[in-house]
């Protein structure tokens, strides 16, 4: 069963919904499929204090309901469904939904986001949003003057540890090996920061706390000694995985799987296919930057459709 649409948006975080708002207002009659996690990563975030326009802050899930309602009010056809396969070899582009239905589209905006990588220990999910977070920039502020732990050894972990060091009294950085993957300059900054304490050859055994994080138990994987550190927050910085697998046969991805876009635009290597939000942004990964790139994608798509005489 095939259906033909003008503009198809895949994904429903800040990027997808903002693209939908702009596309609907431009009379592109966008159809948006919400994907596996309607609202994206913000639906697993509690308090959002850094999005402009909410002076008192707002809960992540509530904010995404606002985005969705606004996109719907502008005329977006919002549907529940998951893109399972694509064929971008010719226009109109074809996208399979839920392994059963094919949608044909003149323009496609991909805003499928990225998922934080987790350690996979039960206490991590139990306390997620109660002291456990995968975004220090988002949530560090809530632990001002307190002790925090961060796990990871790459540039992101080093950056987030440095960010937290300006807010928290002490940052306990847990590194699995005796070296960091981070670039030399980032490592030097971390090691030169007096309130960052690095635990080498260490793994997270358990995050402690019932209602909220009270500490972390780490295991030295050389000596097998376990140590408990009292902390109020536990940040996971072991990377993100962009949700880009179904596009890899057609779109240029970088080494980490992020969709490559032409700098300053949302354009991919295929004319008429655009990418916005965390699926193509490994640097900023904020709700406000995702929303901004969603706006860019809709404007780029509108221009493309107009040039092709399709809009």
Protein backbone atom coordinates (compact mmCIF):
# COMPACT_ATOMS: atom_id res chain seq x y z
CA UNK A 1 0.00 0.00 0.00
CA UNK A 2 1.54 3.29 -1.10
CA UNK A 3 0.75 6.86 -0.13
CA UNK A 4 2.25 9.96 -1.70
CA UNK A 5 3.11 13.06 0.37
CA UNK A 6 4.97 16.27 -0.33
CA UNK A 7 7.12 16.51 2.80
CA UNK A 8 7.79 13.59 5.15
CA UNK A 9 9.36 14.18 8.57
CA UNK A 10 10.84 11.21 10.40
CA UNK A 11 11.17 11.72 14.16
CA UNK A 12 9.47 13.82 16.79
CA UNK A 13 11.90 15.60 19.07
CA UNK A 14 12.46 19.37 19.03
CA UNK A 15 13.98 19.13 15.53
CA UNK A 16 11.13 17.15 13.98
CA UNK A 17 8.33 19.18 15.56
CA UNK A 18 9.97 22.51 14.70
CA UNK A 19 10.47 21.37 11.11
CA UNK A 20 6.77 20.40 11.10
CA UNK A 21 5.66 23.81 12.41
CA UNK A 22 7.59 25.63 9.69
CA UNK A 23 6.64 23.18 6.94
CA UNK A 24 2.94 23.30 7.85
CA UNK A 25 2.90 27.10 7.94
CA UNK A 26 4.49 27.09 4.47
CA UNK A 27 1.59 24.90 3.29
CA UNK A 28 3.86 21.92 2.59
CA UNK A 29 1.29 19.60 4.23
CA UNK A 30 3.92 17.70 6.22
CA UNK A 31 3.34 14.17 7.48
CA UNK A 32 5.35 13.38 10.62
CA UNK A 33 6.03 9.91 11.99
CA UNK A 34 6.87 10.00 15.68
CA UNK A 35 9.12 6.96 15.82
CA UNK A 36 9.82 4.67 18.74
CA UNK A 37 10.06 7.44 21.34
CA UNK A 38 7.54 10.22 20.63
CA UNK A 39 9.06 13.44 21.91
CA UNK A 40 12.59 12.07 21.76
CA UNK A 41 15.20 12.25 24.51
CA UNK A 42 13.40 15.09 26.28
CA UNK A 43 10.71 12.67 27.39
CA UNK A 44 13.24 11.01 29.70
CA UNK A 45 14.42 14.37 31.05
CA UNK A 46 12.74 15.83 34.09
CA UNK A 47 13.34 19.56 34.57
CA UNK A 48 14.35 21.69 31.56
CA UNK A 49 15.63 25.07 32.71
CA UNK A 50 17.74 26.20 29.76
CA UNK A 51 15.13 26.41 27.00
CA UNK A 52 14.28 30.06 26.26
CA UNK A 53 10.75 31.19 27.02
CA UNK A 54 10.17 29.12 30.14
CA UNK A 55 11.29 31.38 33.01
CA UNK A 56 10.17 28.88 35.66
CA UNK A 57 11.54 25.88 33.79
CA UNK A 58 9.38 23.06 32.45
CA UNK A 59 9.26 19.26 32.59
CA UNK A 60 10.73 17.67 29.45
CA UNK A 61 7.66 15.54 28.59
CA UNK A 62 5.31 18.52 29.06
CA UNK A 63 7.47 20.66 26.79
CA UNK A 64 7.31 18.05 24.05
CA UNK A 65 3.50 17.94 24.34
CA UNK A 66 3.56 21.71 23.71
CA UNK A 67 5.73 21.17 20.61
CA UNK A 68 3.40 18.44 19.36
CA UNK A 69 0.23 20.50 19.92
CA UNK A 70 1.74 23.47 18.09
CA UNK A 71 2.76 21.31 15.11
CA UNK A 72 -0.73 19.79 15.02
CA UNK A 73 -2.43 23.19 15.26
CA UNK A 74 -0.46 24.38 12.23
CA UNK A 75 -1.79 21.44 10.26
CA UNK A 76 0.85 18.72 10.55
CA UNK A 77 -0.44 15.18 10.05
CA UNK A 78 1.17 13.53 13.10
CA UNK A 79 1.21 9.75 13.13
CA UNK A 80 2.51 7.05 15.40
CA UNK A 81 4.85 4.76 13.49
CA UNK A 82 8.47 3.79 12.97
CA UNK A 83 10.46 4.18 9.76
CA UNK A 84 11.93 0.73 9.15
CA UNK A 85 13.50 0.99 5.68
CA UNK A 86 14.19 3.64 3.04
CA UNK A 87 14.84 3.80 -0.67
CA UNK A 88 16.49 7.10 -1.61
CA UNK A 89 17.74 5.89 -5.02
CA UNK A 90 15.25 8.05 -6.93
CA UNK A 91 12.52 10.63 -6.37
CA UNK A 92 9.93 10.44 -5.01
CA UNK A 93 11.79 8.94 -2.06
CA UNK A 94 10.30 5.86 -0.44
CA UNK A 95 10.11 5.22 3.31
CA UNK A 96 8.70 2.05 4.83
CA UNK A 97 6.66 2.45 8.02
CA UNK A 98 6.34 -0.38 10.57
CA UNK A 99 7.55 -2.89 7.96
CA UNK A 100 4.17 -2.79 6.23
CA UNK A 101 3.38 0.50 4.49
CA UNK A 102 5.42 2.57 2.03
CA UNK A 103 5.20 6.37 1.91
CA UNK A 104 6.46 8.25 -1.13
CA UNK A 105 7.72 11.79 -0.53
CA UNK A 106 9.15 14.60 -2.66
CA UNK A 107 11.26 15.80 0.30
CA UNK A 108 12.32 13.99 3.46
CA UNK A 109 13.47 15.57 6.72
CA UNK A 110 15.29 13.15 9.01
CA UNK A 111 15.18 14.05 12.70
CA UNK A 112 15.54 10.63 14.28
CA UNK A 113 17.87 11.86 17.02
CA UNK A 114 20.48 9.94 18.96
CA UNK A 115 20.34 7.75 22.02
CA UNK A 116 22.75 8.09 24.93
CA UNK A 117 24.82 5.00 25.56
CA UNK A 118 24.27 3.65 29.06
CA UNK A 119 26.36 1.36 31.23
CA UNK A 120 23.51 -1.12 31.52
CA UNK A 121 23.30 -1.51 35.30
CA UNK A 122 19.79 -1.61 36.84
CA UNK A 123 20.38 1.24 39.32
CA UNK A 124 21.25 3.51 36.40
CA UNK A 125 17.75 3.24 34.93
CA UNK A 126 16.05 3.22 38.33
CA UNK A 127 17.64 6.56 39.28
CA UNK A 128 17.54 8.11 35.81
CA UNK A 129 16.19 11.63 36.33
CA UNK A 130 16.85 11.38 40.08
CA UNK A 131 20.55 12.17 39.98
CA UNK A 132 21.53 9.97 37.04
CA UNK A 133 21.88 11.86 33.75
CA UNK A 134 23.56 11.57 30.37
CA UNK A 135 23.90 15.34 29.95
CA UNK A 136 26.04 17.42 32.31
CA UNK A 137 25.27 20.64 30.44
CA UNK A 138 21.53 19.97 30.91
CA UNK A 139 21.55 18.87 34.53
CA UNK A 140 24.80 19.95 36.20
CA UNK A 141 23.23 23.13 37.53
CA UNK A 142 20.93 21.16 39.83
CA UNK A 143 23.98 19.91 41.75
CA UNK A 144 25.66 23.24 42.43
CA UNK A 145 28.18 22.96 45.26
CA UNK A 146 27.67 19.19 45.56
CA UNK A 147 29.85 16.22 44.66
CA UNK A 148 29.27 14.46 41.35
CA UNK A 149 30.67 11.43 39.55
CA UNK A 150 31.14 11.12 35.81
CA UNK A 151 32.02 7.99 33.86
CA UNK A 152 33.81 8.12 30.52
CA UNK A 153 37.21 8.76 29.00
CA UNK A 154 36.64 10.52 25.68
CA UNK A 155 36.52 14.19 24.75
CA UNK A 156 32.85 14.46 25.76
CA UNK A 157 33.55 13.04 29.21
CA UNK A 158 36.54 15.37 29.63
CA UNK A 159 34.50 18.39 28.49
CA UNK A 160 31.62 17.51 30.80
CA UNK A 161 33.98 16.91 33.74
CA UNK A 162 35.48 20.37 33.19
CA UNK A 163 32.00 21.88 32.91
CA UNK A 164 30.93 20.20 36.16
CA UNK A 165 34.14 21.31 37.91
CA UNK A 166 32.93 24.91 37.64
CA UNK A 167 29.62 24.02 39.33
CA UNK A 168 30.24 21.09 41.66
CA UNK A 169 32.53 21.01 44.70
CA UNK A 170 34.29 17.82 43.55
CA UNK A 171 34.03 15.80 40.34
CA UNK A 172 34.93 12.11 40.59
CA UNK A 173 35.88 10.89 37.11
CA UNK A 174 35.74 7.14 36.58
CA UNK A 175 38.02 5.86 33.79
CA UNK A 176 38.02 2.18 32.85
CA UNK A 177 41.63 1.96 31.64
CA UNK A 178 44.90 3.54 32.73
CA UNK A 179 44.65 6.03 29.86
CA UNK A 180 41.97 8.34 28.47
CA UNK A 181 40.75 8.36 24.88
CA UNK A 182 40.33 12.13 25.04
CA UNK A 183 42.64 14.40 23.06
CA UNK A 184 45.90 15.35 24.77
CA UNK A 185 44.86 18.94 25.41
CA UNK A 186 41.57 17.86 27.05
CA UNK A 187 43.39 15.33 29.25
CA UNK A 188 45.88 17.98 30.35
CA UNK A 189 43.05 20.33 31.31
CA UNK A 190 41.28 17.64 33.31
CA UNK A 191 44.43 16.60 35.16
CA UNK A 192 45.28 20.26 35.89
CA UNK A 193 41.87 20.95 37.46
CA UNK A 194 42.23 20.62 41.24
CA UNK A 195 38.65 19.56 42.01
CA UNK A 196 38.54 16.75 39.43
CA UNK A 197 39.68 13.45 40.90
CA UNK A 198 40.40 10.72 38.33
CA UNK A 199 39.98 7.04 39.24
CA UNK A 200 42.02 5.00 36.76
CA UNK A 201 41.33 1.31 35.96
CA UNK A 202 37.93 1.71 37.54
CA UNK A 203 34.41 0.62 36.66
CA UNK A 204 31.03 1.46 38.11
CA UNK A 205 29.86 -1.42 40.27
CA UNK A 206 26.64 0.20 41.49
CA UNK A 207 24.95 3.58 41.79
CA UNK A 208 23.74 3.95 45.36
CA UNK A 209 20.48 5.44 46.56
CA UNK A 210 16.79 4.57 46.77
CA UNK A 211 14.85 7.72 45.81
CA UNK A 212 17.85 9.71 44.59
CA UNK A 213 21.58 9.21 44.05
CA UNK A 214 23.56 9.15 47.31
CA UNK A 215 26.79 7.61 46.11
CA UNK A 216 28.60 5.34 43.70
CA UNK A 217 30.50 2.13 44.34
CA UNK A 218 33.45 1.65 42.02
CA UNK A 219 35.56 -1.40 41.37
CA UNK A 220 39.27 -1.18 40.63
CA UNK A 221 39.63 -3.77 37.88
CA UNK A 222 43.29 -4.43 38.72
CA UNK A 223 43.11 -4.82 42.48
CA UNK A 224 39.42 -5.91 42.68
CA UNK A 225 38.99 -3.44 45.54
CA UNK A 226 35.58 -1.76 45.79
CA UNK A 227 35.27 1.83 47.00
CA UNK A 228 32.16 3.81 47.86
CA UNK A 229 32.13 7.54 47.07
CA UNK A 230 29.32 9.76 48.36
CA UNK A 231 27.93 11.81 45.45
CA UNK A 232 24.63 13.53 44.66
CA UNK A 233 24.81 13.06 40.89
CA UNK A 234 26.08 10.46 38.45
CA UNK A 235 26.72 11.48 34.82
CA UNK A 236 27.19 8.95 32.04
CA UNK A 237 29.41 10.27 29.25
CA UNK A 238 30.31 7.20 27.23
CA UNK A 239 28.91 8.55 23.98
CA UNK A 240 25.74 8.69 21.93
CA UNK A 241 24.54 6.51 19.09
CA UNK A 242 22.74 8.39 16.32
CA UNK A 243 19.60 6.64 15.04
CA UNK A 244 20.85 6.51 11.46
CA UNK A 245 21.24 2.80 10.64
CA UNK A 246 18.40 2.62 8.11
CA UNK A 247 19.95 5.46 6.06
CA UNK A 248 23.51 4.14 5.81
CA UNK A 249 23.15 2.68 2.31
CA UNK A 250 22.23 6.09 0.88
CA UNK A 251 23.52 8.89 3.09
CA UNK A 252 27.08 9.85 4.01
CA UNK A 253 27.67 9.13 7.70
CA UNK A 254 30.73 9.99 9.75
CA UNK A 255 32.76 7.41 11.70
CA UNK A 256 30.35 7.57 14.64
CA UNK A 257 27.25 7.21 12.45
CA UNK A 258 26.11 10.84 12.42
CA UNK A 259 24.56 12.03 9.15
CA UNK A 260 26.92 14.44 7.41
CA UNK A 261 25.28 17.71 6.35
CA UNK A 262 26.71 20.54 4.28
CA UNK A 263 27.98 23.08 6.88
CA UNK A 264 25.49 25.87 7.50
CA UNK A 265 22.62 23.85 6.00
CA UNK A 266 20.58 20.72 6.67
CA UNK A 267 21.44 19.24 3.24
CA UNK A 268 22.69 15.66 3.01
CA UNK A 269 24.53 14.14 0.05
CA UNK A 270 21.15 13.39 -1.58
CA UNK A 271 19.30 16.38 -2.98
CA UNK A 272 15.88 16.60 -1.34
CA UNK A 273 16.85 14.69 1.83
CA UNK A 274 17.59 16.87 4.86
CA UNK A 275 18.77 16.06 8.39
CA UNK A 276 18.21 18.02 11.60
CA UNK A 277 18.84 17.64 15.31
CA UNK A 278 20.98 15.12 17.14
CA UNK A 279 21.13 12.63 14.26
CA UNK A 280 23.55 15.07 12.58
CA UNK A 281 24.85 17.09 15.56
CA UNK A 282 27.41 15.51 17.84
CA UNK A 283 28.76 18.80 19.15
CA UNK A 284 25.93 20.70 20.82
CA UNK A 285 23.08 18.19 21.30
CA UNK A 286 20.73 20.67 22.97
CA UNK A 287 16.97 21.04 22.54
CA UNK A 288 17.35 24.63 21.37
CA UNK A 289 19.98 23.82 18.72
CA UNK A 290 17.90 20.85 17.53
CA UNK A 291 14.87 23.14 17.17
CA UNK A 292 16.97 25.65 15.23
CA UNK A 293 18.20 22.98 12.83
CA UNK A 294 14.62 21.74 12.37
CA UNK A 295 13.69 25.24 11.23
CA UNK A 296 16.63 25.19 8.80
CA UNK A 297 15.55 21.81 7.41
CA UNK A 298 12.00 23.00 6.73
CA UNK A 299 13.25 26.16 4.99
CA UNK A 300 15.77 24.13 2.96
CA UNK A 301 13.03 21.64 2.02
CA UNK A 302 10.64 24.40 0.99
CA UNK A 303 13.32 25.98 -1.21
CA UNK A 304 14.08 22.62 -2.78
CA UNK A 305 10.41 21.85 -3.52
CA UNK A 306 9.89 25.34 -5.00
CA UNK A 307 12.95 25.02 -7.24
CA UNK A 308 11.71 21.66 -8.50
CA UNK A 309 8.24 23.07 -9.11
CA UNK A 310 6.76 20.68 -6.56
CA UNK A 311 5.44 23.34 -4.20
